[in-house]
C-alpha atoms as a PDB file:
ATOM      1  CA  MET A   1     -20.531  18.886  -8.773  1.00  0.00           C
ATOM      2  CA  LYS A   2     -17.043  19.754  -9.988  1.00  0.00           C
ATOM      3  CA  VAL A   3     -14.145  17.400  -9.386  1.00  0.00           C
ATOM      4  CA  TYR A   4     -11.796  20.227  -8.512  1.00  0.00           C
ATOM      5  CA  THR A   5     -12.449  22.556  -5.590  1.00  0.00           C
ATOM      6  CA  LYS A   6      -9.162  24.489  -5.499  1.00  0.00           C
ATOM      7  CA  THR A   7      -9.196  24.178  -1.688  1.00  0.00           C
ATOM      8  CA  GLY A   8      -6.094  21.977  -1.776  1.00  0.00           C
ATOM      9  CA  ASP A   9      -4.005  24.182  -4.028  1.00  0.00           C
ATOM     10  CA  LYS A  10      -1.883  25.387  -1.116  1.00  0.00           C
ATOM     11  CA  GLY A  11      -1.002  21.922   0.166  1.00  0.00           C
ATOM     12  CA  GLU A  12      -3.814  21.346   2.651  1.00  0.00           C
ATOM     13  CA  THR A  13      -6.831  19.063   2.659  1.00  0.00           C
ATOM     14  CA  SER A  14      -9.852  18.494   4.888  1.00  0.00           C
ATOM     15  CA  LEU A  15     -10.601  15.492   7.026  1.00  0.00           C
ATOM     16  CA  LEU A  16     -14.159  14.277   7.492  1.00  0.00           C
ATOM     17  CA  GLY A  17     -15.456  16.666  10.109  1.00  0.00           C
ATOM     18  CA  GLY A  18     -13.758  19.688   8.535  1.00  0.00           C
ATOM     19  CA  THR A  19     -10.321  19.742  10.185  1.00  0.00           C
ATOM     20  CA  ARG A  20      -7.672  20.945   7.727  1.00  0.00           C
ATOM     21  CA  LEU A  21      -4.258  19.315   7.604  1.00  0.00           C
ATOM     22  CA  PRO A  22      -1.201  19.574   5.399  1.00  0.00           C
ATOM     23  CA  LYS A  23      -1.285  16.928   2.660  1.00  0.00           C
ATOM     24  CA  SER A  24       2.015  15.659   4.083  1.00  0.00           C
ATOM     25  CA  ALA A  25       0.421  14.767   7.452  1.00  0.00           C
ATOM     26  CA  LEU A  26       0.766  11.166   8.596  1.00  0.00           C
ATOM     27  CA  ARG A  27      -3.019  10.714   8.707  1.00  0.00           C
ATOM     28  CA  ILE A  28      -3.270  11.780   5.047  1.00  0.00           C
ATOM     29  CA  GLU A  29      -0.378   9.467   4.156  1.00  0.00           C
ATOM     30  CA  ALA A  30      -2.185   6.609   5.923  1.00  0.00           C
ATOM     31  CA  TYR A  31      -5.476   6.878   4.071  1.00  0.00           C
ATOM     32  CA  GLY A  32      -3.701   7.742   0.823  1.00  0.00           C
ATOM     33  CA  THR A  33      -1.705   4.521   1.043  1.00  0.00           C
ATOM     34  CA  VAL A  34      -4.883   2.559   1.801  1.00  0.00           C
ATOM     35  CA  ASP A  35      -6.364   4.123  -1.349  1.00  0.00           C
ATOM     36  CA  GLU A  36      -3.281   3.048  -3.329  1.00  0.00           C
ATOM     37  CA  LEU A  37      -3.666  -0.461  -1.917  1.00  0.00           C
ATOM     38  CA  ASN A  38      -7.307  -0.488  -2.985  1.00  0.00           C
ATOM     39  CA  SER A  39      -6.224   0.223  -6.569  1.00  0.00           C
ATOM     40  CA  TYR A  40      -3.825  -2.713  -6.507  1.00  0.00           C
ATOM     41  CA  ILE A  41      -6.566  -4.967  -5.129  1.00  0.00           C
ATOM     42  CA  GLY A  42      -8.635  -3.890  -8.148  1.00  0.00           C
ATOM     43  CA  LEU A  43      -5.763  -4.908 -10.396  1.00  0.00           C
ATOM     44  CA  LEU A  44      -5.661  -8.314  -8.688  1.00  0.00           C
ATOM     45  CA  ARG A  45      -9.416  -8.634  -9.105  1.00  0.00           C
ATOM     46  CA  ASP A  46      -8.963  -8.098 -12.848  1.00  0.00           C
ATOM     47  CA  GLN A  47      -6.611 -11.075 -13.216  1.00  0.00           C
ATOM     48  CA  ALA A  48      -8.234 -14.070 -14.943  1.00  0.00           C
ATOM     49  CA  VAL A  49      -6.730 -16.457 -12.379  1.00  0.00           C
ATOM     50  CA  ASN A  50      -8.774 -14.748  -9.644  1.00  0.00           C
ATOM     51  CA  THR A  51     -12.264 -15.138 -11.102  1.00  0.00           C
ATOM     52  CA  ARG A  52     -13.345 -17.297  -8.181  1.00  0.00           C
ATOM     53  CA  HIS A  53     -12.086 -14.649  -5.731  1.00  0.00           C
ATOM     54  CA  ILE A  54     -13.873 -11.635  -7.230  1.00  0.00           C
ATOM     55  CA  GLU A  55     -16.550 -11.487  -4.531  1.00  0.00           C
ATOM     56  CA  LEU A  56     -13.984 -11.497  -1.711  1.00  0.00           C
ATOM     57  CA  LEU A  57     -11.724  -9.009  -3.493  1.00  0.00           C
ATOM     58  CA  ILE A  58     -14.679  -6.632  -3.934  1.00  0.00           C
ATOM     59  CA  SER A  59     -15.494  -7.093  -0.239  1.00  0.00           C
ATOM     60  CA  ILE A  60     -11.870  -6.234   0.595  1.00  0.00           C
ATOM     61  CA  GLN A  61     -12.067  -3.120  -1.578  1.00  0.00           C
ATOM     62  CA  ASN A  62     -15.281  -2.028   0.123  1.00  0.00           C
ATOM     63  CA  HIS A  63     -13.717  -2.565   3.537  1.00  0.00           C
ATOM     64  CA  LEU A  64     -10.633  -0.585   2.532  1.00  0.00           C
ATOM     65  CA  PHE A  65     -13.004   2.318   1.797  1.00  0.00           C
ATOM     66  CA  VAL A  66     -14.408   1.916   5.326  1.00  0.00           C
ATOM     67  CA  ILE A  67     -10.861   1.965   6.712  1.00  0.00           C
ATOM     68  CA  GLY A  68     -10.030   4.981   4.548  1.00  0.00           C
ATOM     69  CA  ALA A  69     -13.068   6.825   5.905  1.00  0.00           C
ATOM     70  CA  ASP A  70     -12.042   5.945   9.444  1.00  0.00           C
ATOM     71  CA  LEU A  71      -8.503   7.221   8.862  1.00  0.00           C
ATOM     72  CA  ALA A  72      -9.833  10.338   7.080  1.00  0.00           C
ATOM     73  CA  THR A  73     -11.896  11.318  10.104  1.00  0.00           C
ATOM     74  CA  ASP A  74     -10.570  13.648  12.777  1.00  0.00           C
ATOM     75  CA  PRO A  75     -10.603  11.470  15.928  1.00  0.00           C
ATOM     76  CA  GLN A  76     -11.745  14.532  17.908  1.00  0.00           C
ATOM     77  CA  LYS A  77     -14.927  14.816  15.789  1.00  0.00           C
ATOM     78  CA  THR A  78     -17.007  12.051  17.339  1.00  0.00           C
ATOM     79  CA  LYS A  79     -20.283  12.953  15.620  1.00  0.00           C
ATOM     80  CA  VAL A  80     -19.070  12.286  12.069  1.00  0.00           C
ATOM     81  CA  LYS A  81     -21.145   9.490  10.517  1.00  0.00           C
ATOM     82  CA  LYS A  82     -19.086   6.728   8.976  1.00  0.00           C
ATOM     83  CA  PRO A  83     -19.367   2.952   8.743  1.00  0.00           C
ATOM     84  CA  PRO A  84     -17.705   1.057  11.611  1.00  0.00           C
ATOM     85  CA  VAL A  85     -14.457  -0.890  11.230  1.00  0.00           C
ATOM     86  CA  GLU A  86     -15.427  -4.342  12.478  1.00  0.00           C
ATOM     87  CA  SER A  87     -13.585  -7.549  13.322  1.00  0.00           C
ATOM     88  CA  GLU A  88     -15.905  -9.663  11.125  1.00  0.00           C
ATOM     89  CA  GLU A  89     -13.944  -8.506   8.070  1.00  0.00           C
ATOM     90  CA  THR A  90     -10.686  -9.753   9.609  1.00  0.00           C
ATOM     91  CA  GLU A  91     -12.338 -13.072  10.424  1.00  0.00           C
ATOM     92  CA  GLN A  92     -13.473 -13.338   6.786  1.00  0.00           C
ATOM     93  CA  LEU A  93      -9.838 -12.961   5.691  1.00  0.00           C
ATOM     94  CA  GLU A  94      -8.714 -15.615   8.172  1.00  0.00           C
ATOM     95  CA  ARG A  95     -11.260 -18.077   6.792  1.00  0.00           C
ATOM     96  CA  ALA A  96     -10.122 -17.315   3.232  1.00  0.00           C
ATOM     97  CA  ILE A  97      -6.461 -17.795   4.215  1.00  0.00           C
ATOM     98  CA  ASP A  98      -7.261 -21.180   5.743  1.00  0.00           C
ATOM     99  CA  VAL A  99      -9.104 -22.332   2.609  1.00  0.00           C
ATOM    100  CA  LEU A 100      -6.347 -21.195   0.227  1.00  0.00           C
ATOM    101  CA  ASP A 101      -3.584 -22.535   2.458  1.00  0.00           C
ATOM    102  CA  GLY A 102      -5.246 -25.964   2.431  1.00  0.00           C
ATOM    103  CA  ASP A 103      -4.591 -26.134  -1.335  1.00  0.00           C
ATOM    104  CA  LEU A 104      -0.895 -25.260  -1.033  1.00  0.00           C
ATOM    105  CA  PRO A 105       2.250 -27.299  -0.470  1.00  0.00           C
ATOM    106  CA  SER A 106       4.093 -26.665   2.775  1.00  0.00           C
ATOM    107  CA  MET A 107       6.390 -23.680   2.639  1.00  0.00           C
ATOM    108  CA  LYS A 108      10.006 -24.727   3.069  1.00  0.00           C
ATOM    109  CA  PHE A 109      11.779 -21.539   1.960  1.00  0.00           C
ATOM    110  CA  PHE A 110      11.326 -17.817   1.486  1.00  0.00           C
ATOM    111  CA  VAL A 111       9.791 -17.073  -1.915  1.00  0.00           C
ATOM    112  CA  LEU A 112      11.052 -14.473  -4.355  1.00  0.00           C
ATOM    113  CA  PRO A 113       8.183 -12.375  -5.752  1.00  0.00           C
ATOM    114  CA  GLY A 114       7.440 -12.965  -9.421  1.00  0.00           C
ATOM    115  CA  GLY A 115       7.079 -15.774 -11.922  1.00  0.00           C
ATOM    116  CA  HIS A 116       3.919 -14.461 -13.572  1.00  0.00           C
ATOM    117  CA  GLN A 117       2.448 -11.009 -13.976  1.00  0.00           C
ATOM    118  CA  SER A 118      -0.618 -11.871 -11.860  1.00  0.00           C
ATOM    119  CA  VAL A 119       1.569 -13.152  -9.018  1.00  0.00           C
ATOM    120  CA  SER A 120       3.775 -10.066  -9.269  1.00  0.00           C
ATOM    121  CA  PHE A 121       0.727  -7.787  -9.028  1.00  0.00           C
ATOM    122  CA  GLY A 122      -0.233  -9.669  -5.869  1.00  0.00           C
ATOM    123  CA  HIS A 123       3.173  -9.145  -4.314  1.00  0.00           C
ATOM    124  CA  VAL A 124       3.045  -5.428  -5.124  1.00  0.00           C
ATOM    125  CA  ALA A 125      -0.360  -5.269  -3.394  1.00  0.00           C
ATOM    126  CA  ARG A 126       1.091  -7.165  -0.410  1.00  0.00           C
ATOM    127  CA  THR A 127       4.017  -4.770  -0.024  1.00  0.00           C
ATOM    128  CA  VAL A 128       1.776  -1.704  -0.348  1.00  0.00           C
ATOM    129  CA  CYS A 129      -0.416  -3.271   2.345  1.00  0.00           C
ATOM    130  CA  ARG A 130       2.615  -3.678   4.603  1.00  0.00           C
ATOM    131  CA  ARG A 131       3.546  -0.032   3.999  1.00  0.00           C
ATOM    132  CA  ALA A 132      -0.006   1.037   4.869  1.00  0.00           C
ATOM    133  CA  GLU A 133       0.228  -1.008   8.059  1.00  0.00           C
ATOM    134  CA  ARG A 134       3.539   0.631   9.040  1.00  0.00           C
ATOM    135  CA  ILE A 135       2.112   4.099   8.455  1.00  0.00           C
ATOM    136  CA  VAL A 136      -1.003   3.277  10.489  1.00  0.00           C
ATOM    137  CA  ILE A 137       1.194   1.995  13.329  1.00  0.00           C
ATOM    138  CA  ALA A 138       3.189   5.242  13.264  1.00  0.00           C
ATOM    139  CA  LEU A 139      -0.043   7.263  13.248  1.00  0.00           C
ATOM    140  CA  ALA A 140      -1.428   5.241  16.165  1.00  0.00           C
ATOM    141  CA  GLN A 141       1.669   6.185  18.195  1.00  0.00           C
ATOM    142  CA  GLU A 142       0.680   9.854  17.816  1.00  0.00           C
ATOM    143  CA  GLU A 143      -3.122   9.830  17.906  1.00  0.00           C
ATOM    144  CA  TYR A 144      -6.113   7.539  18.057  1.00  0.00           C
ATOM    145  CA  VAL A 145      -6.571   4.877  15.379  1.00  0.00           C
ATOM    146  CA  ALA A 146      -9.046   2.027  15.818  1.00  0.00           C
ATOM    147  CA  ASP A 147      -7.129  -1.162  16.720  1.00  0.00           C
ATOM    148  CA  GLU A 148      -9.053  -3.130  14.112  1.00  0.00           C
ATOM    149  CA  VAL A 149      -7.546  -1.024  11.293  1.00  0.00           C
ATOM    150  CA  GLN A 150      -4.035  -2.235  12.115  1.00  0.00           C
ATOM    151  CA  ILE A 151      -5.221  -5.810  12.679  1.00  0.00           C
ATOM    152  CA  TYR A 152      -7.093  -5.901   9.358  1.00  0.00           C
ATOM    153  CA  LEU A 153      -4.128  -4.584   7.378  1.00  0.00           C
ATOM    154  CA  ASN A 154      -1.855  -7.154   9.013  1.00  0.00           C
ATOM    155  CA  ARG A 155      -4.216  -9.992   8.134  1.00  0.00           C
ATOM    156  CA  LEU A 156      -4.789  -8.623   4.630  1.00  0.00           C
ATOM    157  CA  SER A 157      -1.062  -8.786   3.886  1.00  0.00           C
ATOM    158  CA  ASP A 158      -1.114 -12.429   5.039  1.00  0.00           C
ATOM    159  CA  TYR A 159      -4.069 -13.118   2.748  1.00  0.00           C
ATOM    160  CA  LEU A 160      -2.304 -11.470  -0.189  1.00  0.00           C
ATOM    161  CA  PHE A 161       0.816 -13.585   0.384  1.00  0.00           C
ATOM    162  CA  VAL A 162      -1.213 -16.793   0.448  1.00  0.00           C
ATOM    163  CA  LEU A 163      -3.199 -15.638  -2.594  1.00  0.00           C
ATOM    164  CA  CYS A 164       0.097 -15.120  -4.461  1.00  0.00           C
ATOM    165  CA  ARG A 165       1.191 -18.650  -3.629  1.00  0.00           C
ATOM    166  CA  TRP A 166      -2.232 -19.993  -4.646  1.00  0.00           C
ATOM    167  CA  MET A 167      -2.073 -18.105  -7.969  1.00  0.00           C
ATOM    168  CA  ALA A 168       1.375 -19.588  -8.641  1.00  0.00           C
ATOM    169  CA  VAL A 169      -0.045 -23.089  -8.157  1.00  0.00           C
ATOM    170  CA  GLN A 170      -3.057 -22.354 -10.355  1.00  0.00           C
ATOM    171  CA  LEU A 171      -0.835 -20.911 -13.079  1.00  0.00           C
ATOM    172  CA  ASN A 172       1.605 -23.836 -12.775  1.00  0.00           C
ATOM    173  CA  ILE A 173       4.436 -21.465 -11.863  1.00  0.00           C
ATOM    174  CA  ASP A 174       7.323 -22.743  -9.771  1.00  0.00           C
ATOM    175  CA  GLU A 175       8.020 -20.620  -6.722  1.00  0.00           C
ATOM    176  CA  VAL A 176      11.599 -19.393  -6.796  1.00  0.00           C
ATOM    177  CA  PRO A 177      13.311 -19.873  -3.442  1.00  0.00           C
ATOM    178  CA  TRP A 178      15.440 -17.150  -1.944  1.00  0.00           C
ATOM    179  CA  ARG A 179      19.069 -18.175  -2.007  1.00  0.00           C
ATOM    180  CA  PRO A 180      21.216 -15.961   0.202  1.00  0.00           C
ATOM    181  CA  ASN A 181      24.634 -15.118  -1.137  1.00  0.00           C
ATOM    182  CA  LYS A 182      27.283 -17.350   0.344  1.00  0.00           C
END
């Protein structure tokens, strides 16, 4: 099978189910941003500080593929086979957040992203996740998107924030508080 098909050379692509859309369509932007997020999760998975989180990060990446497939499916094509987007994955994130948060000092200020490359990668992943969530919300205002997609992305950004704070502690990095200009 060839990687290139030439079917997208004129700025269109196909959804699962065969519907063709311009590559600039909101639905394409949504699953493209989820794909970008998945790449950043892979980068986080590759950080030495996250060796104990590899299994969960791989699970997150697999679930982002499920979400991508859901977003890449024409909602009018109900017979397309794809894995379901389920709430159990969101619950898994909530449990992970609670465990990580239990190891962290109370948050008393907004935190500036950075301090270590691994932490910075996490904050980039978090902000891409927030962008994906905003795009999915915009898409859901125009056409059907499973509620659980939006919920999962919201919880994933929370997990990524807590993971960044946890990495800072593990790496003995001081969190830099935001100091508004006076």
